[in-house]
Amino acid sequence: MSALQTLAETSVAIKGNLGSIGYGLAAIGPGVGVGIIFGNGTQALARQPEAAGLIRANQILGFAFCEALALIGLVMPFVYPAS
C-alpha cells in the first residue's frame, strides 16, 4: 500500500467524521430553539391561561420550524457527500 493511497483513505475517513461533527453542531441550534419555545410558552400559559389555544398553536408552529432546521442539517451530508 502506497503512502498516497493511505493518505487518500485517511482523507475520506476524516471527511466522514467531520460530517458527523457538523451534524452534531447543526443539531445544537434547533435543540436550544425548542427549549426556548416551550419554556417561554409555559411561562405564557401560566400568565394568561385564557390564551392557551393561541399560545399552543404558536408553539407548535415554532417547533415545526426548528425541527425543519434539524432535518435540513441531517439531509445535507447526503446531498453533498464526502468524496
PDB file of N, CA and C in Angstrom:
ATOM      1  N   MET A   1       0.850  -1.163   0.000  1.00  0.00           N
ATOM      2  CA  MET A   1       0.000   0.000   0.000  1.00  0.00           C
ATOM      3  C   MET A   1       0.904   1.237   0.000  1.00  0.00           C
ATOM      4  N   SER A   2       0.647   2.119  -0.923  1.00  0.00           N
ATOM      5  CA  SER A   2       1.499   3.294  -1.039  1.00  0.00           C
ATOM      6  C   SER A   2       1.067   4.363  -0.036  1.00  0.00           C
ATOM      7  N   ALA A   3       1.969   5.275   0.193  1.00  0.00           N
ATOM      8  CA  ALA A   3       1.688   6.368   1.131  1.00  0.00           C
ATOM      9  C   ALA A   3       0.566   7.258   0.609  1.00  0.00           C
ATOM     10  N   LEU A   4       0.498   7.435  -0.707  1.00  0.00           N
ATOM     11  CA  LEU A   4      -0.550   8.271  -1.302  1.00  0.00           C
ATOM     12  C   LEU A   4      -1.929   7.635  -1.126  1.00  0.00           C
ATOM     13  N   GLN A   5      -2.008   6.329  -1.282  1.00  0.00           N
ATOM     14  CA  GLN A   5      -3.278   5.624  -1.108  1.00  0.00           C
ATOM     15  C   GLN A   5      -3.722   5.701   0.358  1.00  0.00           C
ATOM     16  N   THR A   6      -2.789   5.540   1.266  1.00  0.00           N
ATOM     17  CA  THR A   6      -3.111   5.641   2.687  1.00  0.00           C
ATOM     18  C   THR A   6      -3.597   7.035   3.026  1.00  0.00           C
ATOM     19  N   LEU A   7      -2.956   8.048   2.464  1.00  0.00           N
ATOM     20  CA  LEU A   7      -3.366   9.430   2.697  1.00  0.00           C
ATOM     21  C   LEU A   7      -4.761   9.684   2.161  1.00  0.00           C
ATOM     22  N   ALA A   8      -5.087   9.141   0.989  1.00  0.00           N
ATOM     23  CA  ALA A   8      -6.418   9.310   0.396  1.00  0.00           C
ATOM     24  C   ALA A   8      -7.486   8.647   1.261  1.00  0.00           C
ATOM     25  N   GLU A   9      -7.217   7.451   1.759  1.00  0.00           N
ATOM     26  CA  GLU A   9      -8.171   6.765   2.622  1.00  0.00           C
ATOM     27  C   GLU A   9      -8.368   7.521   3.930  1.00  0.00           C
ATOM     28  N   THR A  10      -7.297   8.049   4.464  1.00  0.00           N
ATOM     29  CA  THR A  10      -7.390   8.824   5.695  1.00  0.00           C
ATOM     30  C   THR A  10      -8.203  10.082   5.469  1.00  0.00           C
ATOM     31  N   SER A  11      -8.023  10.713   4.313  1.00  0.00           N
ATOM     32  CA  SER A  11      -8.755  11.932   3.988  1.00  0.00           C
ATOM     33  C   SER A  11     -10.260  11.659   3.928  1.00  0.00           C
ATOM     34  N   VAL A  12     -10.659  10.550   3.319  1.00  0.00           N
ATOM     35  CA  VAL A  12     -12.083  10.194   3.239  1.00  0.00           C
ATOM     36  C   VAL A  12     -12.636   9.925   4.638  1.00  0.00           C
ATOM     37  N   ALA A  13     -11.876   9.248   5.468  1.00  0.00           N
ATOM     38  CA  ALA A  13     -12.334   8.951   6.832  1.00  0.00           C
ATOM     39  C   ALA A  13     -12.494  10.231   7.634  1.00  0.00           C
ATOM     40  N   ILE A  14     -11.576  11.161   7.472  1.00  0.00           N
ATOM     41  CA  ILE A  14     -11.680  12.430   8.198  1.00  0.00           C
ATOM     42  C   ILE A  14     -12.894  13.211   7.726  1.00  0.00           C
ATOM     43  N   LYS A  15     -13.162  13.226   6.418  1.00  0.00           N
ATOM     44  CA  LYS A  15     -14.338  13.928   5.901  1.00  0.00           C
ATOM     45  C   LYS A  15     -15.616  13.326   6.468  1.00  0.00           C
ATOM     46  N   GLY A  16     -15.676  12.004   6.580  1.00  0.00           N
ATOM     47  CA  GLY A  16     -16.859  11.361   7.160  1.00  0.00           C
ATOM     48  C   GLY A  16     -17.053  11.745   8.610  1.00  0.00           C
ATOM     49  N   ASN A  17     -15.965  11.804   9.371  1.00  0.00           N
ATOM     50  CA  ASN A  17     -16.068  12.197  10.773  1.00  0.00           C
ATOM     51  C   ASN A  17     -16.452  13.653  10.908  1.00  0.00           C
ATOM     52  N   LEU A  18     -15.952  14.504  10.025  1.00  0.00           N
ATOM     53  CA  LEU A  18     -16.313  15.919  10.079  1.00  0.00           C
ATOM     54  C   LEU A  18     -17.793  16.111   9.762  1.00  0.00           C
ATOM     55  N   GLY A  19     -18.345  15.269   8.887  1.00  0.00           N
ATOM     56  CA  GLY A  19     -19.780  15.339   8.616  1.00  0.00           C
ATOM     57  C   GLY A  19     -20.597  15.015   9.852  1.00  0.00           C
ATOM     58  N   SER A  20     -20.151  14.045  10.620  1.00  0.00           N
ATOM     59  CA  SER A  20     -20.845  13.690  11.863  1.00  0.00           C
ATOM     60  C   SER A  20     -20.745  14.820  12.882  1.00  0.00           C
ATOM     61  N   ILE A  21     -19.576  15.412  12.983  1.00  0.00           N
ATOM     62  CA  ILE A  21     -19.398  16.527  13.905  1.00  0.00           C
ATOM     63  C   ILE A  21     -20.232  17.711  13.441  1.00  0.00           C
ATOM     64  N   GLY A  22     -20.281  17.924  12.134  1.00  0.00           N
ATOM     65  CA  GLY A  22     -21.081  19.022  11.594  1.00  0.00           C
ATOM     66  C   GLY A  22     -22.551  18.868  11.916  1.00  0.00           C
ATOM     67  N   TYR A  23     -23.078  17.644  11.786  1.00  0.00           N
ATOM     68  CA  TYR A  23     -24.490  17.455  12.124  1.00  0.00           C
ATOM     69  C   TYR A  23     -24.718  17.636  13.610  1.00  0.00           C
ATOM     70  N   GLY A  24     -23.779  17.193  14.424  1.00  0.00           N
ATOM     71  CA  GLY A  24     -23.917  17.410  15.867  1.00  0.00           C
ATOM     72  C   GLY A  24     -23.999  18.888  16.197  1.00  0.00           C
ATOM     73  N   LEU A  25     -23.175  19.681  15.548  1.00  0.00           N
ATOM     74  CA  LEU A  25     -23.227  21.128  15.765  1.00  0.00           C
ATOM     75  C   LEU A  25     -24.507  21.729  15.190  1.00  0.00           C
ATOM     76  N   ALA A  26     -24.969  21.186  14.062  1.00  0.00           N
ATOM     77  CA  ALA A  26     -26.200  21.690  13.463  1.00  0.00           C
ATOM     78  C   ALA A  26     -27.419  21.363  14.322  1.00  0.00           C
ATOM     79  N   ALA A  27     -27.344  20.336  15.132  1.00  0.00           N
ATOM     80  CA  ALA A  27     -28.477  19.954  15.980  1.00  0.00           C
ATOM     81  C   ALA A  27     -28.544  20.778  17.258  1.00  0.00           C
ATOM     82  N   ILE A  28     -27.467  21.469  17.601  1.00  0.00           N
ATOM     83  CA  ILE A  28     -27.472  22.272  18.825  1.00  0.00           C
ATOM     84  C   ILE A  28     -28.450  23.432  18.705  1.00  0.00           C
ATOM     85  N   GLY A  29     -28.428  24.123  17.583  1.00  0.00           N
ATOM     86  CA  GLY A  29     -29.300  25.291  17.394  1.00  0.00           C
ATOM     87  C   GLY A  29     -30.779  24.966  17.532  1.00  0.00           C
ATOM     88  N   PRO A  30     -31.286  23.982  16.770  1.00  0.00           N
ATOM     89  CA  PRO A  30     -32.694  23.628  16.942  1.00  0.00           C
ATOM     90  C   PRO A  30     -33.033  23.124  18.340  1.00  0.00           C
ATOM     91  N   GLY A  31     -32.090  22.443  18.986  1.00  0.00           N
ATOM     92  CA  GLY A  31     -32.334  21.982  20.356  1.00  0.00           C
ATOM     93  C   GLY A  31     -32.528  23.141  21.316  1.00  0.00           C
ATOM     94  N   VAL A  32     -31.676  24.140  21.184  1.00  0.00           N
ATOM     95  CA  VAL A  32     -31.811  25.342  22.017  1.00  0.00           C
ATOM     96  C   VAL A  32     -33.107  26.076  21.670  1.00  0.00           C
ATOM     97  N   GLY A  33     -33.408  26.150  20.376  1.00  0.00           N
ATOM     98  CA  GLY A  33     -34.632  26.831  19.949  1.00  0.00           C
ATOM     99  C   GLY A  33     -35.893  26.184  20.497  1.00  0.00           C
ATOM    100  N   VAL A  34     -35.945  24.872  20.473  1.00  0.00           N
ATOM    101  CA  VAL A  34     -37.113  24.162  21.002  1.00  0.00           C
ATOM    102  C   VAL A  34     -37.238  24.396  22.503  1.00  0.00           C
ATOM    103  N   GLY A  35     -36.120  24.398  23.203  1.00  0.00           N
ATOM    104  CA  GLY A  35     -36.150  24.679  24.634  1.00  0.00           C
ATOM    105  C   GLY A  35     -36.678  26.071  24.933  1.00  0.00           C
ATOM    106  N   ILE A  36     -36.246  27.038  24.170  1.00  0.00           N
ATOM    107  CA  ILE A  36     -36.715  28.407  24.368  1.00  0.00           C
ATOM    108  C   ILE A  36     -38.200  28.515  24.060  1.00  0.00           C
ATOM    109  N   ILE A  37     -38.637  27.888  22.957  1.00  0.00           N
ATOM    110  CA  ILE A  37     -40.045  27.955  22.567  1.00  0.00           C
ATOM    111  C   ILE A  37     -40.948  27.398  23.663  1.00  0.00           C
ATOM    112  N   PHE A  38     -40.638  26.205  24.154  1.00  0.00           N
ATOM    113  CA  PHE A  38     -41.521  25.586  25.130  1.00  0.00           C
ATOM    114  C   PHE A  38     -41.364  26.197  26.517  1.00  0.00           C
ATOM    115  N   GLY A  39     -40.174  26.697  26.837  1.00  0.00           N
ATOM    116  CA  GLY A  39     -40.001  27.390  28.113  1.00  0.00           C
ATOM    117  C   GLY A  39     -40.815  28.669  28.166  1.00  0.00           C
ATOM    118  N   ASN A  40     -40.720  29.470  27.110  1.00  0.00           N
ATOM    119  CA  ASN A  40     -41.485  30.716  27.069  1.00  0.00           C
ATOM    120  C   ASN A  40     -42.982  30.440  26.907  1.00  0.00           C
ATOM    121  N   GLY A  41     -43.318  29.375  26.194  1.00  0.00           N
ATOM    122  CA  GLY A  41     -44.731  29.020  26.069  1.00  0.00           C
ATOM    123  C   GLY A  41     -45.338  28.628  27.404  1.00  0.00           C
ATOM    124  N   THR A  42     -44.586  27.915  28.219  1.00  0.00           N
ATOM    125  CA  THR A  42     -45.063  27.533  29.548  1.00  0.00           C
ATOM    126  C   THR A  42     -45.258  28.771  30.428  1.00  0.00           C
ATOM    127  N   GLN A  43     -44.340  29.715  30.353  1.00  0.00           N
ATOM    128  CA  GLN A  43     -44.496  30.956  31.108  1.00  0.00           C
ATOM    129  C   GLN A  43     -45.713  31.741  30.634  1.00  0.00           C
ATOM    130  N   ALA A  44     -45.912  31.775  29.325  1.00  0.00           N
ATOM    131  CA  ALA A  44     -47.070  32.495  28.783  1.00  0.00           C
ATOM    132  C   ALA A  44     -48.375  31.838  29.212  1.00  0.00           C
ATOM    133  N   LEU A  45     -48.410  30.507  29.219  1.00  0.00           N
ATOM    134  CA  LEU A  45     -49.627  29.809  29.666  1.00  0.00           C
ATOM    135  C   LEU A  45     -49.890  30.049  31.146  1.00  0.00           C
ATOM    136  N   ALA A  46     -48.839  30.161  31.937  1.00  0.00           N
ATOM    137  CA  ALA A  46     -49.012  30.429  33.358  1.00  0.00           C
ATOM    138  C   ALA A  46     -49.541  31.843  33.591  1.00  0.00           C
ATOM    139  N   ARG A  47     -49.145  32.783  32.759  1.00  0.00           N
ATOM    140  CA  ARG A  47     -49.580  34.172  32.937  1.00  0.00           C
ATOM    141  C   ARG A  47     -50.965  34.423  32.358  1.00  0.00           C
ATOM    142  N   GLN A  48     -51.273  33.792  31.220  1.00  0.00           N
ATOM    143  CA  GLN A  48     -52.571  34.002  30.575  1.00  0.00           C
ATOM    144  C   GLN A  48     -53.174  32.664  30.156  1.00  0.00           C
ATOM    145  N   PRO A  49     -53.779  31.963  31.086  1.00  0.00           N
ATOM    146  CA  PRO A  49     -54.344  30.650  30.735  1.00  0.00           C
ATOM    147  C   PRO A  49     -55.499  30.742  29.739  1.00  0.00           C
ATOM    148  N   GLU A  50     -56.140  31.886  29.647  1.00  0.00           N
ATOM    149  CA  GLU A  50     -57.267  32.022  28.709  1.00  0.00           C
ATOM    150  C   GLU A  50     -56.797  32.052  27.251  1.00  0.00           C
ATOM    151  N   ALA A  51     -55.523  32.307  27.002  1.00  0.00           N
ATOM    152  CA  ALA A  51     -54.977  32.342  25.639  1.00  0.00           C
ATOM    153  C   ALA A  51     -54.265  31.037  25.289  1.00  0.00           C
ATOM    154  N   ALA A  52     -54.656  29.946  25.922  1.00  0.00           N
ATOM    155  CA  ALA A  52     -53.954  28.671  25.752  1.00  0.00           C
ATOM    156  C   ALA A  52     -53.973  28.188  24.306  1.00  0.00           C
ATOM    157  N   GLY A  53     -55.093  28.328  23.621  1.00  0.00           N
ATOM    158  CA  GLY A  53     -55.195  27.848  22.241  1.00  0.00           C
ATOM    159  C   GLY A  53     -54.236  28.576  21.311  1.00  0.00           C
ATOM    160  N   LEU A  54     -54.173  29.886  21.416  1.00  0.00           N
ATOM    161  CA  LEU A  54     -53.286  30.684  20.570  1.00  0.00           C
ATOM    162  C   LEU A  54     -51.815  30.410  20.894  1.00  0.00           C
ATOM    163  N   ILE A  55     -51.508  30.332  22.169  1.00  0.00           N
ATOM    164  CA  ILE A  55     -50.120  30.084  22.578  1.00  0.00           C
ATOM    165  C   ILE A  55     -49.674  28.704  22.102  1.00  0.00           C
ATOM    166  N   ARG A  56     -50.524  27.713  22.275  1.00  0.00           N
ATOM    167  CA  ARG A  56     -50.163  26.350  21.864  1.00  0.00           C
ATOM    168  C   ARG A  56     -49.975  26.270  20.354  1.00  0.00           C
ATOM    169  N   ALA A  57     -50.826  26.960  19.594  1.00  0.00           N
ATOM    170  CA  ALA A  57     -50.687  26.957  18.133  1.00  0.00           C
ATOM    171  C   ALA A  57     -49.360  27.584  17.721  1.00  0.00           C
ATOM    172  N   ASN A  58     -48.988  28.679  18.370  1.00  0.00           N
ATOM    173  CA  ASN A  58     -47.711  29.317  18.058  1.00  0.00           C
ATOM    174  C   ASN A  58     -46.532  28.447  18.473  1.00  0.00           C
ATOM    175  N   GLN A  59     -46.673  27.716  19.575  1.00  0.00           N
ATOM    176  CA  GLN A  59     -45.612  26.800  19.998  1.00  0.00           C
ATOM    177  C   GLN A  59     -45.403  25.706  18.960  1.00  0.00           C
ATOM    178  N   ILE A  60     -46.470  25.138  18.479  1.00  0.00           N
ATOM    179  CA  ILE A  60     -46.363  24.059  17.505  1.00  0.00           C
ATOM    180  C   ILE A  60     -45.744  24.566  16.210  1.00  0.00           C
ATOM    181  N   LEU A  61     -46.116  25.763  15.787  1.00  0.00           N
ATOM    182  CA  LEU A  61     -45.546  26.345  14.570  1.00  0.00           C
ATOM    183  C   LEU A  61     -44.045  26.602  14.741  1.00  0.00           C
ATOM    184  N   GLY A  62     -43.650  27.175  15.860  1.00  0.00           N
ATOM    185  CA  GLY A  62     -42.231  27.411  16.126  1.00  0.00           C
ATOM    186  C   GLY A  62     -41.443  26.115  16.219  1.00  0.00           C
ATOM    187  N   PHE A  63     -42.047  25.109  16.856  1.00  0.00           N
ATOM    188  CA  PHE A  63     -41.398  23.804  16.956  1.00  0.00           C
ATOM    189  C   PHE A  63     -41.174  23.204  15.567  1.00  0.00           C
ATOM    190  N   ALA A  64     -42.163  23.325  14.690  1.00  0.00           N
ATOM    191  CA  ALA A  64     -42.036  22.776  13.339  1.00  0.00           C
ATOM    192  C   ALA A  64     -40.900  23.460  12.580  1.00  0.00           C
ATOM    193  N   PHE A  65     -40.778  24.778  12.726  1.00  0.00           N
ATOM    194  CA  PHE A  65     -39.695  25.485  12.039  1.00  0.00           C
ATOM    195  C   PHE A  65     -38.330  25.069  12.585  1.00  0.00           C
ATOM    196  N   CYS A  66     -38.214  24.919  13.888  1.00  0.00           N
ATOM    197  CA  CYS A  66     -36.937  24.498  14.474  1.00  0.00           C
ATOM    198  C   CYS A  66     -36.571  23.084  14.040  1.00  0.00           C
ATOM    199  N   GLU A  67     -37.530  22.196  14.019  1.00  0.00           N
ATOM    200  CA  GLU A  67     -37.251  20.822  13.608  1.00  0.00           C
ATOM    201  C   GLU A  67     -36.928  20.744  12.125  1.00  0.00           C
ATOM    202  N   ALA A  68     -37.498  21.652  11.324  1.00  0.00           N
ATOM    203  CA  ALA A  68     -37.142  21.681   9.905  1.00  0.00           C
ATOM    204  C   ALA A  68     -35.660  21.995   9.744  1.00  0.00           C
ATOM    205  N   LEU A  69     -35.133  22.891  10.573  1.00  0.00           N
ATOM    206  CA  LEU A  69     -33.702  23.194  10.517  1.00  0.00           C
ATOM    207  C   LEU A  69     -32.868  21.963  10.875  1.00  0.00           C
ATOM    208  N   ALA A  70     -33.315  21.213  11.863  1.00  0.00           N
ATOM    209  CA  ALA A  70     -32.586  19.998  12.245  1.00  0.00           C
ATOM    210  C   ALA A  70     -32.619  18.971  11.117  1.00  0.00           C
ATOM    211  N   LEU A  71     -33.745  18.840  10.447  1.00  0.00           N
ATOM    212  CA  LEU A  71     -33.844  17.886   9.343  1.00  0.00           C
ATOM    213  C   LEU A  71     -32.983  18.314   8.161  1.00  0.00           C
ATOM    214  N   ILE A  72     -32.906  19.618   7.916  1.00  0.00           N
ATOM    215  CA  ILE A  72     -32.028  20.105   6.849  1.00  0.00           C
ATOM    216  C   ILE A  72     -30.582  19.754   7.185  1.00  0.00           C
ATOM    217  N   GLY A  73     -30.197  19.931   8.451  1.00  0.00           N
ATOM    218  CA  GLY A  73     -28.849  19.562   8.868  1.00  0.00           C
ATOM    219  C   GLY A  73     -28.582  18.080   8.734  1.00  0.00           C
ATOM    220  N   LEU A  74     -29.606  17.264   8.900  1.00  0.00           N
ATOM    221  CA  LEU A  74     -29.455  15.822   8.753  1.00  0.00           C
ATOM    222  C   LEU A  74     -29.311  15.424   7.291  1.00  0.00           C
ATOM    223  N   VAL A  75     -29.983  16.117   6.397  1.00  0.00           N
ATOM    224  CA  VAL A  75     -30.005  15.751   4.984  1.00  0.00           C
ATOM    225  C   VAL A  75     -28.775  16.262   4.229  1.00  0.00           C
ATOM    226  N   MET A  76     -28.200  17.363   4.663  1.00  0.00           N
ATOM    227  CA  MET A  76     -27.087  17.974   3.930  1.00  0.00           C
ATOM    228  C   MET A  76     -25.885  17.045   3.701  1.00  0.00           C
ATOM    229  N   PRO A  77     -25.477  16.221   4.662  1.00  0.00           N
ATOM    230  CA  PRO A  77     -24.360  15.314   4.353  1.00  0.00           C
ATOM    231  C   PRO A  77     -24.665  14.333   3.233  1.00  0.00           C
ATOM    232  N   PHE A  78     -25.935  14.012   3.020  1.00  0.00           N
ATOM    233  CA  PHE A  78     -26.303  13.106   1.929  1.00  0.00           C
ATOM    234  C   PHE A  78     -26.385  13.840   0.597  1.00  0.00           C
ATOM    235  N   VAL A  79     -26.695  15.125   0.648  1.00  0.00           N
ATOM    236  CA  VAL A  79     -26.760  15.918  -0.582  1.00  0.00           C
ATOM    237  C   VAL A  79     -25.357  16.181  -1.101  1.00  0.00           C
ATOM    238  N   TYR A  80     -24.453  16.528  -0.192  1.00  0.00           N
ATOM    239  CA  TYR A  80     -23.047  16.789  -0.544  1.00  0.00           C
ATOM    240  C   TYR A  80     -22.162  15.775   0.174  1.00  0.00           C
ATOM    241  N   PRO A  81     -22.096  14.540  -0.324  1.00  0.00           N
ATOM    242  CA  PRO A  81     -21.322  13.509   0.381  1.00  0.00           C
ATOM    243  C   PRO A  81     -19.811  13.764   0.286  1.00  0.00           C
ATOM    244  N   ALA A  82     -19.087  13.211   1.207  1.00  0.00           N
ATOM    245  CA  ALA A  82     -17.619  13.292   1.176  1.00  0.00           C
ATOM    246  C   ALA A  82     -17.118  12.468   0.007  1.00  0.00           C
ATOM    247  N   SER A  83     -16.303  13.068  -0.803  1.00  0.00           N
ATOM    248  CA  SER A  83     -15.793  12.330  -1.965  1.00  0.00           C
ATOM    249  C   SER A  83     -14.279  12.295  -1.964  1.00  0.00           C
TER     250      SER A  83
END
